[in-house]
């Protein structure tokens, strides 16, 4: 069983139920926020919908490489407002966020900007990235806790796989 903690605007308790096709998140009571989570060999996918929030995170994974570990993810902001990724940590180690090459994905005091209707692939060429110190002790094949702090969606915690590049 995996736990996913969602934003502060969640008023009811969410419970995570592991199923044959991966994980799903179910609301204990009807309300404004819905979500779902699924883990595969390529990473963890998460969808969060609520007032002013419609985010899809796909292929969230830690990748190990010669230049050190990094957190890869694609953020699809289908919500009506600009979102910012303010903080990312992996297994208790804070990642360093770097902005992308465009104003739509740049780094501001609020974090990495993700415009409405934008899809941002962290870790690809000219895109934002979240790098970890080379001293991070991560092993391919394990699952690690990841915390993502968004400006509008709030804090999201999930388990993601560690993959060799």
N, C-alpha and C. Protein backbone atom coordinates (compact mmCIF):
# COMPACT_ATOMS: atom_id res chain seq x y z
N UNK A 1 0.84 -1.17 0.00
CA UNK A 1 0.00 0.00 0.00
C UNK A 1 0.89 1.23 0.00
N UNK A 2 0.54 2.23 -0.82
CA UNK A 2 1.28 3.47 -0.92
C UNK A 2 0.42 4.62 -0.45
N UNK A 3 1.05 5.63 0.17
CA UNK A 3 0.32 6.81 0.60
C UNK A 3 0.67 7.96 -0.31
N UNK A 4 -0.29 8.77 -0.64
CA UNK A 4 -0.09 9.99 -1.41
C UNK A 4 -0.75 11.10 -0.62
N UNK A 5 0.03 12.10 -0.18
CA UNK A 5 -0.53 13.24 0.52
C UNK A 5 -0.72 14.35 -0.48
N UNK A 6 -1.91 14.91 -0.53
CA UNK A 6 -2.25 15.91 -1.51
C UNK A 6 -2.37 17.29 -0.87
N UNK A 7 -2.65 18.31 -1.67
CA UNK A 7 -2.61 19.69 -1.22
C UNK A 7 -3.49 20.02 -0.03
N UNK A 8 -3.20 21.20 0.54
CA UNK A 8 -3.93 21.67 1.69
C UNK A 8 -5.39 21.91 1.39
N UNK A 9 -5.74 22.13 0.12
CA UNK A 9 -7.14 22.36 -0.19
C UNK A 9 -7.97 21.09 -0.12
N UNK A 10 -7.34 19.96 0.15
CA UNK A 10 -8.08 18.71 0.34
C UNK A 10 -8.71 18.76 1.73
N UNK A 11 -10.03 18.67 1.77
CA UNK A 11 -10.73 18.76 3.04
C UNK A 11 -11.08 17.39 3.61
N UNK A 12 -11.10 16.38 2.78
CA UNK A 12 -11.43 15.03 3.25
C UNK A 12 -10.20 14.15 3.18
N UNK A 13 -10.20 13.08 3.90
CA UNK A 13 -9.07 12.15 3.91
C UNK A 13 -9.06 11.33 2.63
N UNK A 14 -7.87 11.18 2.06
CA UNK A 14 -7.69 10.32 0.89
C UNK A 14 -7.10 9.01 1.36
N UNK A 15 -7.54 7.92 0.78
CA UNK A 15 -6.91 6.65 1.09
C UNK A 15 -6.44 6.03 -0.21
N UNK A 16 -5.30 5.39 -0.17
CA UNK A 16 -4.71 4.79 -1.35
C UNK A 16 -4.94 3.29 -1.29
N UNK A 17 -5.42 2.76 -2.36
CA UNK A 17 -5.71 1.34 -2.44
C UNK A 17 -4.87 0.75 -3.56
N UNK A 18 -4.01 -0.20 -3.24
CA UNK A 18 -3.19 -0.84 -4.27
C UNK A 18 -4.04 -1.85 -5.01
N UNK A 19 -3.93 -1.85 -6.33
CA UNK A 19 -4.70 -2.76 -7.16
C UNK A 19 -3.81 -3.51 -8.12
N UNK A 20 -4.38 -4.41 -8.87
CA UNK A 20 -3.60 -5.21 -9.81
C UNK A 20 -2.94 -4.36 -10.88
N UNK A 21 -3.59 -3.30 -11.34
CA UNK A 21 -3.06 -2.47 -12.42
C UNK A 21 -2.23 -1.32 -11.89
N UNK A 22 -1.86 -1.35 -10.65
CA UNK A 22 -1.09 -0.25 -10.06
C UNK A 22 -1.82 0.28 -8.85
N UNK A 23 -1.62 1.54 -8.54
CA UNK A 23 -2.23 2.15 -7.39
C UNK A 23 -3.34 3.09 -7.83
N UNK A 24 -4.31 3.28 -6.98
CA UNK A 24 -5.34 4.29 -7.24
C UNK A 24 -5.60 5.04 -5.95
N UNK A 25 -6.06 6.26 -6.07
CA UNK A 25 -6.38 7.07 -4.91
C UNK A 25 -7.87 7.27 -4.91
N UNK A 26 -8.50 6.99 -3.80
CA UNK A 26 -9.95 7.15 -3.71
C UNK A 26 -10.26 8.14 -2.61
N UNK A 27 -11.28 8.96 -2.84
CA UNK A 27 -11.72 9.93 -1.84
C UNK A 27 -12.64 9.23 -0.86
N UNK A 28 -12.52 9.59 0.40
CA UNK A 28 -13.38 9.04 1.42
C UNK A 28 -14.77 9.67 1.36
N UNK A 29 -14.85 10.90 0.85
CA UNK A 29 -16.13 11.59 0.73
C UNK A 29 -16.08 12.45 -0.52
N UNK A 30 -17.22 12.74 -1.14
CA UNK A 30 -17.20 13.59 -2.34
C UNK A 30 -16.71 14.99 -2.00
N UNK A 31 -16.10 15.64 -2.97
CA UNK A 31 -15.59 16.98 -2.73
C UNK A 31 -14.93 17.54 -3.96
N UNK A 32 -14.11 18.55 -3.77
CA UNK A 32 -13.55 19.31 -4.87
C UNK A 32 -12.30 18.69 -5.46
N UNK A 33 -11.63 17.77 -4.78
CA UNK A 33 -10.35 17.26 -5.25
C UNK A 33 -10.46 15.78 -5.57
N UNK A 34 -9.96 15.40 -6.73
CA UNK A 34 -9.86 13.99 -7.08
C UNK A 34 -8.43 13.73 -7.53
N UNK A 35 -8.01 12.50 -7.40
CA UNK A 35 -6.66 12.16 -7.83
C UNK A 35 -6.57 10.68 -8.15
N UNK A 36 -5.50 10.34 -8.86
CA UNK A 36 -5.21 8.94 -9.12
C UNK A 36 -3.70 8.81 -9.26
N UNK A 37 -3.19 7.63 -8.95
CA UNK A 37 -1.76 7.37 -9.06
C UNK A 37 -1.56 5.97 -9.61
N UNK A 38 -0.52 5.82 -10.44
CA UNK A 38 -0.20 4.53 -11.05
C UNK A 38 1.32 4.44 -11.18
N UNK A 39 1.89 3.30 -10.86
CA UNK A 39 3.33 3.10 -10.99
C UNK A 39 3.61 2.01 -12.00
N UNK A 40 4.58 2.27 -12.89
CA UNK A 40 4.99 1.29 -13.88
C UNK A 40 6.51 1.24 -13.90
N UNK A 41 7.08 0.48 -14.81
CA UNK A 41 8.53 0.38 -14.93
C UNK A 41 9.17 1.70 -15.34
N UNK A 42 8.39 2.60 -15.99
CA UNK A 42 8.91 3.89 -16.44
C UNK A 42 8.81 4.99 -15.39
N UNK A 43 8.07 4.75 -14.32
CA UNK A 43 7.91 5.76 -13.29
C UNK A 43 6.50 5.79 -12.76
N UNK A 44 6.23 6.79 -11.94
CA UNK A 44 4.94 6.94 -11.31
C UNK A 44 4.16 8.05 -12.01
N UNK A 45 2.89 7.82 -12.28
CA UNK A 45 2.01 8.81 -12.88
C UNK A 45 0.99 9.23 -11.83
N UNK A 46 0.71 10.53 -11.78
CA UNK A 46 -0.22 11.07 -10.80
C UNK A 46 -1.07 12.14 -11.45
N UNK A 47 -2.35 12.14 -11.15
CA UNK A 47 -3.27 13.15 -11.64
C UNK A 47 -3.95 13.78 -10.44
N UNK A 48 -4.00 15.12 -10.40
CA UNK A 48 -4.64 15.85 -9.31
C UNK A 48 -5.56 16.90 -9.92
N UNK A 49 -6.84 16.86 -9.53
CA UNK A 49 -7.81 17.83 -10.04
C UNK A 49 -8.57 18.43 -8.88
N UNK A 50 -8.76 19.73 -8.92
CA UNK A 50 -9.52 20.44 -7.91
C UNK A 50 -9.71 21.87 -8.35
N UNK A 51 -10.15 22.71 -7.45
CA UNK A 51 -10.37 24.11 -7.79
C UNK A 51 -9.04 24.76 -8.20
N UNK A 52 -8.98 25.29 -9.40
CA UNK A 52 -7.79 25.93 -9.98
C UNK A 52 -6.60 24.97 -10.13
N UNK A 53 -6.81 23.67 -9.98
CA UNK A 53 -5.73 22.69 -10.10
C UNK A 53 -6.17 21.58 -11.05
N UNK A 54 -5.38 21.36 -12.08
CA UNK A 54 -5.56 20.22 -12.97
C UNK A 54 -4.17 19.84 -13.46
N UNK A 55 -3.46 19.07 -12.65
CA UNK A 55 -2.08 18.67 -12.95
C UNK A 55 -2.02 17.18 -13.26
N UNK A 56 -1.18 16.86 -14.23
CA UNK A 56 -0.85 15.47 -14.51
C UNK A 56 0.67 15.36 -14.46
N UNK A 57 1.15 14.52 -13.57
CA UNK A 57 2.58 14.24 -13.47
C UNK A 57 2.78 12.85 -14.06
N UNK A 58 3.69 12.73 -15.02
CA UNK A 58 3.91 11.43 -15.65
C UNK A 58 5.39 11.06 -15.61
N UNK A 59 5.61 9.77 -15.55
CA UNK A 59 6.95 9.17 -15.54
C UNK A 59 7.86 9.84 -14.52
N UNK A 60 7.33 10.02 -13.31
CA UNK A 60 8.14 10.55 -12.22
C UNK A 60 9.08 9.44 -11.76
N UNK A 61 10.38 9.69 -11.88
CA UNK A 61 11.38 8.68 -11.52
C UNK A 61 12.70 9.37 -11.21
N UNK A 62 13.51 8.72 -10.41
CA UNK A 62 14.89 9.17 -10.19
C UNK A 62 15.76 8.39 -11.15
N UNK A 63 16.57 9.11 -11.91
CA UNK A 63 17.47 8.46 -12.87
C UNK A 63 18.91 8.66 -12.41
N UNK A 64 19.64 7.55 -12.41
CA UNK A 64 21.05 7.58 -12.05
C UNK A 64 21.87 7.73 -13.30
N UNK A 65 22.89 8.55 -13.26
CA UNK A 65 23.72 8.75 -14.43
C UNK A 65 25.12 9.17 -14.04
N UNK A 66 26.02 9.30 -15.01
CA UNK A 66 27.40 9.66 -14.73
C UNK A 66 27.57 11.03 -14.08
N UNK A 67 26.64 11.96 -14.35
CA UNK A 67 26.75 13.29 -13.74
C UNK A 67 25.99 13.37 -12.42
N UNK A 68 25.44 12.25 -11.96
CA UNK A 68 24.73 12.21 -10.69
C UNK A 68 23.25 11.94 -10.88
N UNK A 69 22.54 11.73 -9.79
CA UNK A 69 21.11 11.44 -9.88
C UNK A 69 20.28 12.68 -10.15
N UNK A 70 19.16 12.49 -10.83
CA UNK A 70 18.23 13.59 -11.07
C UNK A 70 16.81 13.06 -11.01
N UNK A 71 15.90 13.95 -10.69
CA UNK A 71 14.48 13.62 -10.66
C UNK A 71 13.89 14.01 -12.00
N UNK A 72 13.37 13.04 -12.73
CA UNK A 72 12.72 13.30 -14.01
C UNK A 72 11.22 13.20 -13.83
N UNK A 73 10.50 14.10 -14.47
CA UNK A 73 9.05 14.08 -14.46
C UNK A 73 8.54 14.99 -15.55
N UNK A 74 7.34 14.73 -16.01
CA UNK A 74 6.66 15.61 -16.94
C UNK A 74 5.45 16.16 -16.21
N UNK A 75 5.30 17.49 -16.23
CA UNK A 75 4.17 18.16 -15.58
C UNK A 75 3.30 18.76 -16.68
N UNK A 76 2.06 18.34 -16.73
CA UNK A 76 1.09 18.86 -17.68
C UNK A 76 0.09 19.68 -16.87
N UNK A 77 0.16 21.02 -17.00
CA UNK A 77 -0.72 21.92 -16.26
C UNK A 77 -1.92 22.26 -17.13
N UNK A 78 -3.03 21.58 -16.91
CA UNK A 78 -4.25 21.85 -17.65
C UNK A 78 -5.18 22.76 -16.87
N UNK A 79 -4.69 23.30 -15.75
CA UNK A 79 -5.49 24.20 -14.93
C UNK A 79 -5.51 25.61 -15.49
N UNK A 80 -6.33 26.49 -14.92
CA UNK A 80 -6.50 27.84 -15.43
C UNK A 80 -5.44 28.85 -14.95
N UNK A 81 -4.57 28.44 -14.03
CA UNK A 81 -3.59 29.37 -13.47
C UNK A 81 -2.17 28.83 -13.61
N UNK A 82 -1.21 29.74 -13.59
CA UNK A 82 0.19 29.35 -13.64
C UNK A 82 0.55 28.63 -12.35
N UNK A 83 1.24 27.51 -12.48
CA UNK A 83 1.70 26.72 -11.34
C UNK A 83 3.21 26.91 -11.21
N UNK A 84 3.74 26.69 -10.04
CA UNK A 84 5.19 26.75 -9.81
C UNK A 84 5.60 25.53 -8.99
N UNK A 85 6.67 24.85 -9.42
CA UNK A 85 7.27 23.81 -8.59
C UNK A 85 8.31 24.50 -7.73
N UNK A 86 8.03 24.61 -6.45
CA UNK A 86 8.87 25.39 -5.54
C UNK A 86 9.96 24.54 -4.89
N UNK A 87 9.71 23.25 -4.69
CA UNK A 87 10.65 22.41 -3.98
C UNK A 87 10.46 20.97 -4.40
N UNK A 88 11.56 20.24 -4.48
CA UNK A 88 11.52 18.81 -4.74
C UNK A 88 12.56 18.15 -3.85
N UNK A 89 12.18 17.05 -3.21
CA UNK A 89 13.15 16.30 -2.43
C UNK A 89 12.96 14.81 -2.70
N UNK A 90 14.05 14.09 -2.62
CA UNK A 90 14.07 12.65 -2.87
C UNK A 90 14.68 11.98 -1.66
N UNK A 91 13.93 11.11 -1.02
CA UNK A 91 14.41 10.36 0.13
C UNK A 91 15.03 11.29 1.18
N UNK A 92 14.41 12.45 1.38
CA UNK A 92 14.87 13.41 2.39
C UNK A 92 15.98 14.35 1.93
N UNK A 93 16.46 14.20 0.70
CA UNK A 93 17.51 15.07 0.17
C UNK A 93 16.89 16.07 -0.80
N UNK A 94 17.09 17.35 -0.53
CA UNK A 94 16.51 18.38 -1.39
C UNK A 94 17.23 18.44 -2.73
N UNK A 95 16.43 18.48 -3.79
CA UNK A 95 16.97 18.62 -5.15
C UNK A 95 17.20 20.09 -5.44
N UNK A 96 18.14 20.36 -6.32
CA UNK A 96 18.38 21.73 -6.79
C UNK A 96 17.57 21.91 -8.06
N UNK A 97 16.69 22.92 -8.06
CA UNK A 97 15.86 23.20 -9.22
C UNK A 97 16.56 24.18 -10.15
N UNK A 98 16.52 23.89 -11.43
CA UNK A 98 17.07 24.76 -12.47
C UNK A 98 15.95 25.07 -13.45
N UNK A 99 15.84 26.33 -13.85
CA UNK A 99 14.80 26.72 -14.80
C UNK A 99 15.15 26.31 -16.21
N UNK A 100 14.15 26.33 -17.06
CA UNK A 100 14.33 26.00 -18.47
C UNK A 100 14.81 27.19 -19.26
N UNK A 101 14.95 27.01 -20.56
CA UNK A 101 15.51 28.03 -21.45
C UNK A 101 14.48 29.08 -21.87
N UNK A 102 13.20 28.88 -21.57
CA UNK A 102 12.18 29.84 -21.98
C UNK A 102 11.57 30.51 -20.76
N UNK A 103 10.90 31.64 -20.99
CA UNK A 103 10.24 32.35 -19.89
C UNK A 103 9.12 31.51 -19.28
N UNK A 104 8.49 30.65 -20.08
CA UNK A 104 7.42 29.80 -19.57
C UNK A 104 7.90 28.72 -18.62
N UNK A 105 9.19 28.43 -18.63
CA UNK A 105 9.74 27.38 -17.75
C UNK A 105 10.89 27.90 -16.90
N UNK A 106 11.01 29.21 -16.79
CA UNK A 106 12.11 29.80 -16.05
C UNK A 106 11.96 29.63 -14.55
N UNK A 107 13.05 29.90 -13.84
CA UNK A 107 13.07 29.82 -12.38
C UNK A 107 12.82 31.22 -11.82
N UNK A 108 11.83 31.33 -10.95
CA UNK A 108 11.50 32.59 -10.29
C UNK A 108 11.62 32.37 -8.79
N UNK A 109 11.44 33.43 -8.00
CA UNK A 109 11.45 33.23 -6.54
C UNK A 109 10.38 32.23 -6.07
N UNK A 110 9.31 32.06 -6.85
CA UNK A 110 8.25 31.12 -6.50
C UNK A 110 8.57 29.68 -6.93
N UNK A 111 9.58 29.49 -7.78
CA UNK A 111 9.94 28.16 -8.26
C UNK A 111 9.95 28.11 -9.77
N UNK A 112 9.98 26.91 -10.31
CA UNK A 112 9.98 26.72 -11.76
C UNK A 112 8.56 26.97 -12.27
N UNK A 113 8.44 27.87 -13.22
CA UNK A 113 7.13 28.29 -13.75
C UNK A 113 6.59 27.22 -14.70
N UNK A 114 5.28 26.94 -14.54
CA UNK A 114 4.58 26.02 -15.43
C UNK A 114 3.27 26.71 -15.81
N UNK A 115 3.25 27.27 -17.01
CA UNK A 115 2.11 28.06 -17.48
C UNK A 115 0.88 27.19 -17.69
N UNK A 116 -0.32 27.82 -17.67
CA UNK A 116 -1.53 27.06 -18.00
C UNK A 116 -1.42 26.47 -19.41
N UNK A 117 -1.93 25.28 -19.60
CA UNK A 117 -1.91 24.57 -20.88
C UNK A 117 -0.49 24.20 -21.32
N UNK A 118 0.48 24.24 -20.40
CA UNK A 118 1.86 23.89 -20.74
C UNK A 118 2.17 22.47 -20.27
N UNK A 119 3.04 21.82 -21.02
CA UNK A 119 3.55 20.50 -20.65
C UNK A 119 5.06 20.62 -20.56
N UNK A 120 5.62 20.42 -19.38
CA UNK A 120 7.04 20.64 -19.13
C UNK A 120 7.69 19.32 -18.73
N UNK A 121 8.70 18.90 -19.50
CA UNK A 121 9.41 17.64 -19.25
C UNK A 121 10.73 17.95 -18.55
N UNK A 122 10.77 17.84 -17.23
CA UNK A 122 11.98 18.07 -16.46
C UNK A 122 13.03 17.03 -16.84
N UNK A 123 14.26 17.49 -17.03
CA UNK A 123 15.36 16.58 -17.33
C UNK A 123 15.65 16.41 -18.81
N UNK A 124 14.89 17.08 -19.69
CA UNK A 124 15.17 17.00 -21.12
C UNK A 124 15.93 18.26 -21.55
N UNK A 125 16.42 18.29 -22.77
CA UNK A 125 17.21 19.41 -23.27
C UNK A 125 16.43 20.72 -23.20
N UNK A 126 17.08 21.77 -22.72
CA UNK A 126 16.52 23.13 -22.61
C UNK A 126 15.31 23.23 -21.68
N UNK A 127 15.04 22.20 -20.91
CA UNK A 127 13.91 22.20 -19.99
C UNK A 127 14.43 22.34 -18.56
N UNK A 128 13.55 22.59 -17.62
CA UNK A 128 13.97 22.63 -16.22
C UNK A 128 14.51 21.27 -15.77
N UNK A 129 15.23 21.29 -14.66
CA UNK A 129 15.73 20.04 -14.11
C UNK A 129 15.73 20.11 -12.59
N UNK A 130 15.78 18.94 -11.98
CA UNK A 130 15.87 18.80 -10.53
C UNK A 130 16.99 17.81 -10.26
N UNK A 131 18.16 18.33 -9.89
CA UNK A 131 19.33 17.47 -9.69
C UNK A 131 19.56 17.23 -8.21
N UNK A 132 20.16 16.08 -7.93
CA UNK A 132 20.47 15.69 -6.56
C UNK A 132 21.98 15.68 -6.37
N UNK A 133 22.45 15.86 -5.14
CA UNK A 133 23.89 15.79 -4.90
C UNK A 133 24.45 14.41 -5.28
N UNK A 134 25.67 14.38 -5.76
CA UNK A 134 26.28 13.11 -6.15
C UNK A 134 26.48 12.21 -4.93
N UNK A 135 26.36 12.77 -3.73
CA UNK A 135 26.52 11.97 -2.52
C UNK A 135 25.25 11.21 -2.14
N UNK A 136 24.15 11.45 -2.87
CA UNK A 136 22.90 10.76 -2.58
C UNK A 136 23.09 9.25 -2.76
N UNK A 137 22.65 8.48 -1.77
CA UNK A 137 22.84 7.02 -1.81
C UNK A 137 21.57 6.35 -2.31
N UNK A 138 21.46 6.25 -3.62
CA UNK A 138 20.30 5.65 -4.26
C UNK A 138 20.74 4.45 -5.09
N UNK A 139 19.92 3.44 -5.14
CA UNK A 139 20.24 2.23 -5.89
C UNK A 139 19.14 1.93 -6.89
N UNK A 140 19.54 1.60 -8.12
CA UNK A 140 18.58 1.23 -9.16
C UNK A 140 17.74 0.06 -8.68
N UNK A 141 16.45 0.12 -8.95
CA UNK A 141 15.55 -0.94 -8.58
C UNK A 141 14.75 -0.69 -7.31
N UNK A 142 15.17 0.28 -6.50
CA UNK A 142 14.41 0.57 -5.29
C UNK A 142 13.38 1.66 -5.54
N UNK A 143 12.41 1.75 -4.66
CA UNK A 143 11.44 2.84 -4.67
C UNK A 143 11.81 3.80 -3.55
N UNK A 144 11.72 5.10 -3.82
CA UNK A 144 12.08 6.11 -2.81
C UNK A 144 10.95 7.13 -2.67
N UNK A 145 10.83 7.73 -1.48
CA UNK A 145 9.82 8.77 -1.31
C UNK A 145 10.25 10.08 -1.96
N UNK A 146 9.30 10.72 -2.64
CA UNK A 146 9.55 12.02 -3.28
C UNK A 146 8.51 13.00 -2.77
N UNK A 147 8.95 14.20 -2.48
CA UNK A 147 8.05 15.27 -2.07
C UNK A 147 8.17 16.40 -3.08
N UNK A 148 7.03 16.85 -3.60
CA UNK A 148 6.97 17.96 -4.54
C UNK A 148 6.08 19.04 -3.94
N UNK A 149 6.57 20.26 -3.86
CA UNK A 149 5.79 21.37 -3.33
C UNK A 149 5.44 22.32 -4.47
N UNK A 150 4.15 22.38 -4.80
CA UNK A 150 3.66 23.28 -5.84
C UNK A 150 3.00 24.49 -5.20
N UNK A 151 3.02 25.62 -5.92
CA UNK A 151 2.44 26.85 -5.40
C UNK A 151 0.94 26.78 -5.23
N UNK A 152 0.22 26.19 -6.18
CA UNK A 152 -1.24 26.12 -6.12
C UNK A 152 -1.69 24.73 -5.64
N UNK A 153 -1.16 23.69 -6.20
CA UNK A 153 -1.57 22.32 -5.85
C UNK A 153 -1.13 21.92 -4.45
N UNK A 154 -0.10 22.58 -3.92
CA UNK A 154 0.38 22.25 -2.58
C UNK A 154 1.39 21.11 -2.60
N UNK A 155 1.49 20.43 -1.47
CA UNK A 155 2.48 19.37 -1.32
C UNK A 155 1.93 18.03 -1.78
N UNK A 156 2.76 17.33 -2.54
CA UNK A 156 2.42 15.99 -3.01
C UNK A 156 3.57 15.07 -2.61
N UNK A 157 3.22 13.96 -1.98
CA UNK A 157 4.21 12.95 -1.60
C UNK A 157 3.85 11.65 -2.31
N UNK A 158 4.85 10.99 -2.88
CA UNK A 158 4.62 9.73 -3.55
C UNK A 158 5.90 8.90 -3.59
N UNK A 159 5.77 7.64 -3.88
CA UNK A 159 6.90 6.72 -4.03
C UNK A 159 7.21 6.62 -5.52
N UNK A 160 8.48 6.70 -5.88
CA UNK A 160 8.87 6.58 -7.29
C UNK A 160 10.04 5.61 -7.41
N UNK A 161 10.18 4.98 -8.58
CA UNK A 161 11.30 4.07 -8.77
C UNK A 161 12.61 4.80 -9.06
N UNK A 162 13.71 4.15 -8.70
CA UNK A 162 15.05 4.62 -9.07
C UNK A 162 15.48 3.77 -10.25
N UNK A 163 15.81 4.44 -11.36
CA UNK A 163 16.15 3.76 -12.61
C UNK A 163 17.58 4.06 -13.02
N UNK A 164 18.26 3.05 -13.57
CA UNK A 164 19.55 3.30 -14.18
C UNK A 164 19.27 4.04 -15.48
N UNK A 165 20.13 4.95 -15.85
CA UNK A 165 19.87 5.76 -17.04
C UNK A 165 19.66 4.97 -18.26
